[in-house]
Amino acid sequence: MTFTSTQTVPETARRDGKLTSGSRVVPEETPIAFSYGGSAHAVMMATPADLQDFAVGFSLTEGIIAHPDEIDTIETLAEDQGIDVQIMLNTERGDALKARRRHMAGPVGCGLCGIESIEQAVRPTPSVSASPLQLSQQQIIDAVALLNGQQPLHFETRAVHCAGFYVPGKGLIAVREDVGRHNALDKLAGAAARAGYSGASGAVVVTSRVSVEMVQKTAIIGSPFIIAISAPTALAIRTAQEAGMTLIALVRGQDFEVFTHMDRIQPGAVADVA
């Protein structure tokens, strides 16, 4: 089943002091419901593309599964106002999710996306300290440069986020876009896992700011690097530090800022590209 990711809409633009009628391509923003075993679990506002990756990645980063093989089937159903993604887990994971729901009796919504309690928002972040991965300064710069060239939906609409998985020696092995930065990262997590890549083998590269949830999801993926074009929050920095993750942000051309675990960056100067 194929869903449309963009729409062309009429607009009136002011250019050179004049109003001119025209059109613009804009991204779709669609309610995507994730249901497990027939029971609704969460609804995300997202770009209706790469839904198999989204389902796997969301299931991984939310701790519902540990490996894609624990999902038996994924079916996407078009509804009147959105899409219902029906996910069937294997018996063990399905029973575990049912038990998890029983223990969440009486949760109080705290307004965070996909989170039903304050305790979930401050959940422990897995450590990625064991990963031996290091990157050179040039690889950090190259990873972002590669990502900048692989964002077709962004180039068309200028209204979406992007996440990529960079593996040294292979470049970007997966790139995913979405109107939501968390959704783009979940889709990336699913794409990399379905392709058989270990999170510890590469770096997560994102176009968005680095919030604590982006760090948490990166740690669950298993990557010891998150590299961003925008800035991090203070909580994201503290969380990355505790998780043994190198947080690099504000990558602009040859320049970037390192906020945690500088030791993962190999010594040596950046190659002269002048």
Protein backbone atom coordinates (compact mmCIF):
# COMPACT_ATOMS: atom_id res chain seq x y z
CA MET A 1 0.00 0.00 0.00
CA THR A 2 1.43 3.39 -1.05
CA PHE A 3 0.63 6.69 0.63
CA THR A 4 1.37 10.20 -0.63
CA SER A 5 4.13 12.06 1.23
CA THR A 6 3.55 15.48 -0.35
CA GLN A 7 0.83 17.69 -1.75
CA THR A 8 1.00 20.64 -4.14
CA VAL A 9 -0.99 23.56 -2.74
CA PRO A 10 -1.81 27.05 -4.05
CA GLU A 11 -0.03 30.01 -2.50
CA THR A 12 0.44 33.73 -2.90
CA ALA A 13 4.06 34.79 -2.58
CA ARG A 14 5.56 38.26 -2.19
CA ARG A 15 8.66 38.61 -4.34
CA ASP A 16 10.47 41.86 -5.17
CA GLY A 17 7.64 43.84 -3.62
CA LYS A 18 4.92 42.13 -5.67
CA LEU A 19 2.27 39.52 -4.81
CA THR A 20 2.19 36.60 -7.24
CA SER A 21 -0.07 33.56 -7.32
CA GLY A 22 1.64 30.19 -7.55
CA SER A 23 1.99 26.81 -5.89
CA ARG A 24 4.27 25.03 -3.43
CA VAL A 25 4.99 21.40 -2.56
CA VAL A 26 4.38 20.71 1.14
CA PRO A 27 4.80 17.50 3.17
CA GLU A 28 1.87 15.49 4.41
CA GLU A 29 1.38 15.17 8.17
CA THR A 30 -0.73 12.12 8.94
CA PRO A 31 -1.85 10.39 12.16
CA ILE A 32 0.00 7.06 12.25
CA ALA A 33 -1.37 4.63 14.85
CA PHE A 34 0.72 1.72 16.09
CA SER A 35 -1.37 -1.22 17.26
CA TYR A 36 0.06 -4.38 18.80
CA GLY A 37 -2.04 -7.52 18.75
CA GLY A 38 -5.06 -5.45 17.80
CA SER A 39 -4.71 -2.99 20.71
CA ALA A 40 -3.80 0.65 20.05
CA HIS A 41 -0.51 1.68 21.65
CA ALA A 42 0.48 5.11 20.32
CA VAL A 43 -0.42 7.64 17.63
CA MET A 44 2.29 9.74 15.99
CA MET A 45 1.92 12.66 13.56
CA ALA A 46 4.27 11.65 10.78
CA THR A 47 5.08 11.57 7.09
CA PRO A 48 3.27 8.53 5.61
CA ALA A 49 6.37 6.89 4.13
CA ASP A 50 8.74 4.07 5.13
CA LEU A 51 6.08 2.67 7.44
CA GLN A 52 7.70 -0.77 7.78
CA ASP A 53 10.92 0.88 8.95
CA PHE A 54 8.89 3.17 11.23
CA ALA A 55 7.09 0.24 12.84
CA VAL A 56 10.30 -1.69 13.47
CA GLY A 57 12.25 1.35 14.65
CA PHE A 58 9.51 2.58 17.00
CA SER A 59 9.19 -0.91 18.45
CA LEU A 60 12.96 -1.04 19.02
CA THR A 61 13.44 2.40 20.53
CA GLU A 62 10.41 2.02 22.79
CA GLY A 63 11.79 -1.26 24.15
CA ILE A 64 8.88 -3.31 22.84
CA ILE A 65 11.24 -5.59 20.91
CA ALA A 66 14.98 -6.21 20.98
CA HIS A 67 15.33 -7.49 17.39
CA PRO A 68 13.23 -7.17 14.20
CA ASP A 69 12.74 -10.96 14.13
CA GLU A 70 10.45 -10.61 17.16
CA ILE A 71 7.81 -9.09 14.88
CA ASP A 72 5.75 -11.68 13.03
CA THR A 73 3.80 -9.39 10.68
CA ILE A 74 3.26 -5.70 9.90
CA GLU A 75 0.14 -4.55 8.05
CA THR A 76 -0.79 -0.97 7.16
CA LEU A 77 -4.49 -0.12 7.02
CA ALA A 78 -5.78 3.14 5.59
CA GLU A 79 -8.39 4.79 7.81
CA ASP A 80 -10.59 7.82 7.11
CA GLN A 81 -8.21 10.28 8.74
CA GLY A 82 -4.96 8.35 9.12
CA ILE A 83 -3.14 5.03 8.97
CA ASP A 84 -3.30 2.13 11.40
CA VAL A 85 -0.10 0.08 11.46
CA GLN A 86 -1.02 -3.35 12.83
CA ILE A 87 2.00 -5.10 14.37
CA MET A 88 1.86 -8.73 15.45
CA LEU A 89 4.62 -9.74 17.87
CA ASN A 90 5.84 -13.25 18.56
CA THR A 91 4.33 -14.94 21.60
CA GLU A 92 7.08 -14.03 24.05
CA ARG A 93 7.21 -10.34 23.16
CA GLY A 94 3.43 -10.11 22.89
CA ASP A 95 3.02 -11.50 26.41
CA ALA A 96 5.71 -9.12 27.70
CA LEU A 97 3.90 -6.12 26.22
CA LYS A 98 0.60 -7.22 27.79
CA ALA A 99 2.32 -7.49 31.18
CA ARG A 100 3.88 -4.05 30.71
CA ARG A 101 0.47 -2.55 30.04
CA ARG A 102 -0.99 -4.15 33.17
CA HIS A 103 1.77 -2.58 35.28
CA MET A 104 1.01 0.86 33.84
CA ALA A 105 -2.42 1.11 35.45
CA GLY A 106 -3.47 4.67 36.10
CA PRO A 107 -0.74 6.56 34.21
CA VAL A 108 -0.89 10.33 34.13
CA GLY A 109 -0.15 11.92 30.77
CA CYS A 110 2.64 14.49 31.02
CA GLY A 111 2.50 15.87 27.49
CA LEU A 112 5.65 14.23 26.08
CA CYS A 113 5.38 12.52 22.71
CA GLY A 114 4.79 8.78 23.13
CA ILE A 115 5.31 8.93 26.91
CA GLU A 116 2.61 8.19 29.47
CA SER A 117 4.39 9.02 32.73
CA ILE A 118 7.20 11.16 34.10
CA GLU A 119 9.06 7.98 35.08
CA GLN A 120 9.21 6.94 31.42
CA ALA A 121 10.56 10.33 30.40
CA VAL A 122 13.54 9.97 32.77
CA ARG A 123 14.05 6.26 32.14
CA PRO A 124 17.63 4.96 32.37
CA THR A 125 19.59 5.35 29.13
CA PRO A 126 21.61 2.30 27.99
CA SER A 127 25.38 2.69 28.07
CA VAL A 128 27.26 2.65 24.75
CA SER A 129 30.67 2.81 26.43
CA ALA A 130 31.63 -0.69 25.26
CA SER A 131 31.64 0.27 21.57
CA PRO A 132 35.22 0.68 20.29
CA LEU A 133 34.12 2.95 17.42
CA GLN A 134 36.17 6.08 16.80
CA LEU A 135 35.82 8.69 14.06
CA SER A 136 38.30 11.13 12.61
CA GLN A 137 37.50 14.82 12.33
CA GLN A 138 37.23 14.40 8.56
CA GLN A 139 34.74 11.53 8.89
CA ILE A 140 32.52 13.71 11.09
CA ILE A 141 32.57 16.46 8.48
CA ASP A 142 32.01 13.97 5.65
CA ALA A 143 29.05 12.32 7.40
CA VAL A 144 27.14 15.60 7.55
CA ALA A 145 28.15 16.56 4.00
CA LEU A 146 26.82 13.24 2.73
CA LEU A 147 23.56 13.72 4.63
CA ASN A 148 23.11 17.17 3.13
CA GLY A 149 23.04 15.58 -0.32
CA GLN A 150 20.53 12.83 0.44
CA GLN A 151 17.39 14.68 1.50
CA PRO A 152 15.01 14.68 -1.49
CA LEU A 153 11.89 15.43 0.58
CA HIS A 154 13.63 18.34 2.32
CA PHE A 155 14.85 19.79 -0.97
CA GLU A 156 11.30 19.57 -2.33
CA THR A 157 9.47 20.98 0.71
CA ARG A 158 12.02 22.59 3.11
CA ALA A 159 9.85 21.33 5.94
CA VAL A 160 11.15 17.96 7.18
CA HIS A 161 13.90 16.49 9.36
CA CYS A 162 16.43 13.86 8.33
CA ALA A 163 18.44 11.14 10.08
CA GLY A 164 21.22 9.03 8.62
CA PHE A 165 23.43 6.14 9.77
CA TYR A 166 27.10 6.61 8.88
CA VAL A 167 29.44 3.61 8.86
CA PRO A 168 33.17 4.28 8.36
CA GLY A 169 34.34 2.92 5.03
CA LYS A 170 30.75 2.58 3.74
CA GLY A 171 29.31 6.06 4.11
CA LEU A 172 25.61 6.53 4.80
CA ILE A 173 23.99 3.09 4.67
CA ALA A 174 20.50 4.46 5.38
CA VAL A 175 18.76 7.85 5.37
CA ARG A 176 15.17 8.58 6.42
CA GLU A 177 13.09 11.80 6.44
CA ASP A 178 9.98 12.85 8.33
CA VAL A 179 8.12 15.93 9.54
CA GLY A 180 9.04 14.81 13.07
CA ARG A 181 12.68 14.50 14.13
CA HIS A 182 11.89 11.59 16.48
CA ASN A 183 10.02 9.84 13.68
CA ALA A 184 12.95 10.26 11.27
CA LEU A 185 15.24 8.64 13.85
CA ASP A 186 12.80 5.79 14.49
CA LYS A 187 12.54 5.15 10.74
CA LEU A 188 16.33 5.14 10.53
CA ALA A 189 16.58 2.70 13.45
CA GLY A 190 14.21 0.35 11.66
CA ALA A 191 15.99 0.64 8.32
CA ALA A 192 19.43 -0.06 9.81
CA ALA A 193 18.18 -2.97 11.90
CA ARG A 194 16.31 -4.55 8.99
CA ALA A 195 19.49 -4.26 6.89
CA GLY A 196 21.41 -6.14 9.59
CA TYR A 197 23.63 -3.30 10.82
CA SER A 198 24.67 -3.12 14.46
CA GLY A 199 24.18 0.30 16.01
CA ALA A 200 27.65 0.07 17.54
CA SER A 201 29.20 0.03 14.05
CA GLY A 202 28.23 3.56 13.07
CA ALA A 203 27.13 7.08 13.95
CA VAL A 204 23.68 8.63 13.96
CA VAL A 205 23.62 11.91 12.01
CA VAL A 206 20.62 14.25 12.30
CA THR A 207 19.53 17.62 10.94
CA SER A 208 17.57 18.57 14.04
CA ARG A 209 18.45 19.86 17.47
CA VAL A 210 19.55 17.19 19.95
CA SER A 211 16.92 16.63 22.63
CA VAL A 212 17.23 14.07 25.41
CA GLU A 213 14.90 11.71 23.54
CA MET A 214 17.18 11.79 20.50
CA VAL A 215 20.08 10.75 22.74
CA GLN A 216 17.99 8.02 24.39
CA LYS A 217 16.92 6.59 21.03
CA THR A 218 20.49 6.70 19.72
CA ALA A 219 21.67 4.81 22.82
CA ILE A 220 18.95 2.19 22.38
CA ILE A 221 20.07 1.78 18.76
CA GLY A 222 23.53 1.18 20.22
CA SER A 223 25.46 3.95 18.49
CA PRO A 224 28.19 5.73 20.49
CA PHE A 225 27.91 8.88 18.30
CA ILE A 226 25.19 11.40 17.64
CA ILE A 227 26.20 14.12 15.17
CA ALA A 228 23.85 17.04 14.62
CA ILE A 229 23.61 20.17 12.53
CA SER A 230 21.74 22.01 15.28
CA ALA A 231 22.42 22.54 18.99
CA PRO A 232 21.81 20.19 21.96
CA THR A 233 19.85 20.75 25.15
CA ALA A 234 21.53 20.67 28.56
CA LEU A 235 19.72 17.45 29.50
CA ALA A 236 20.79 15.83 26.24
CA ILE A 237 24.42 16.65 27.04
CA ARG A 238 24.17 15.22 30.57
CA THR A 239 22.46 12.08 29.27
CA ALA A 240 25.06 11.54 26.53
CA GLN A 241 27.86 12.00 29.05
CA GLU A 242 26.39 9.38 31.38
CA ALA A 243 25.77 6.96 28.50
CA GLY A 244 29.35 7.13 27.21
CA MET A 245 28.18 8.75 23.97
CA THR A 246 30.03 11.36 21.94
CA LEU A 247 27.68 14.26 21.19
CA ILE A 248 28.81 16.48 18.33
CA ALA A 249 26.63 19.40 17.25
CA LEU A 250 26.52 22.62 15.26
CA VAL A 251 28.38 21.04 12.35
CA ARG A 252 28.89 23.81 9.80
CA GLY A 253 31.20 23.03 6.92
CA GLN A 254 34.59 22.27 8.47
CA ASP A 255 33.54 23.41 11.94
CA PHE A 256 31.79 21.56 14.76
CA GLU A 257 31.49 21.50 18.54
CA VAL A 258 32.07 18.44 20.76
CA PHE A 259 30.13 18.34 24.04
CA THR A 260 30.91 14.87 25.45
CA HIS A 261 33.54 12.12 25.21
CA MET A 262 36.09 13.81 23.01
CA ASP A 263 38.25 10.67 23.37
CA ARG A 264 36.24 8.93 20.64
CA ILE A 265 37.55 11.40 18.07
CA GLN A 266 40.84 10.31 16.54
CA PRO A 267 43.70 12.82 16.77
CA GLY A 268 44.85 14.47 13.60
CA ALA A 269 44.07 17.49 11.47
CA VAL A 270 41.23 17.78 9.00
CA ALA A 271 42.28 17.17 5.39
CA ASP A 272 43.02 20.33 3.42
CA VAL A 273 40.30 20.61 0.80
CA ALA A 274 41.21 24.08 -0.41
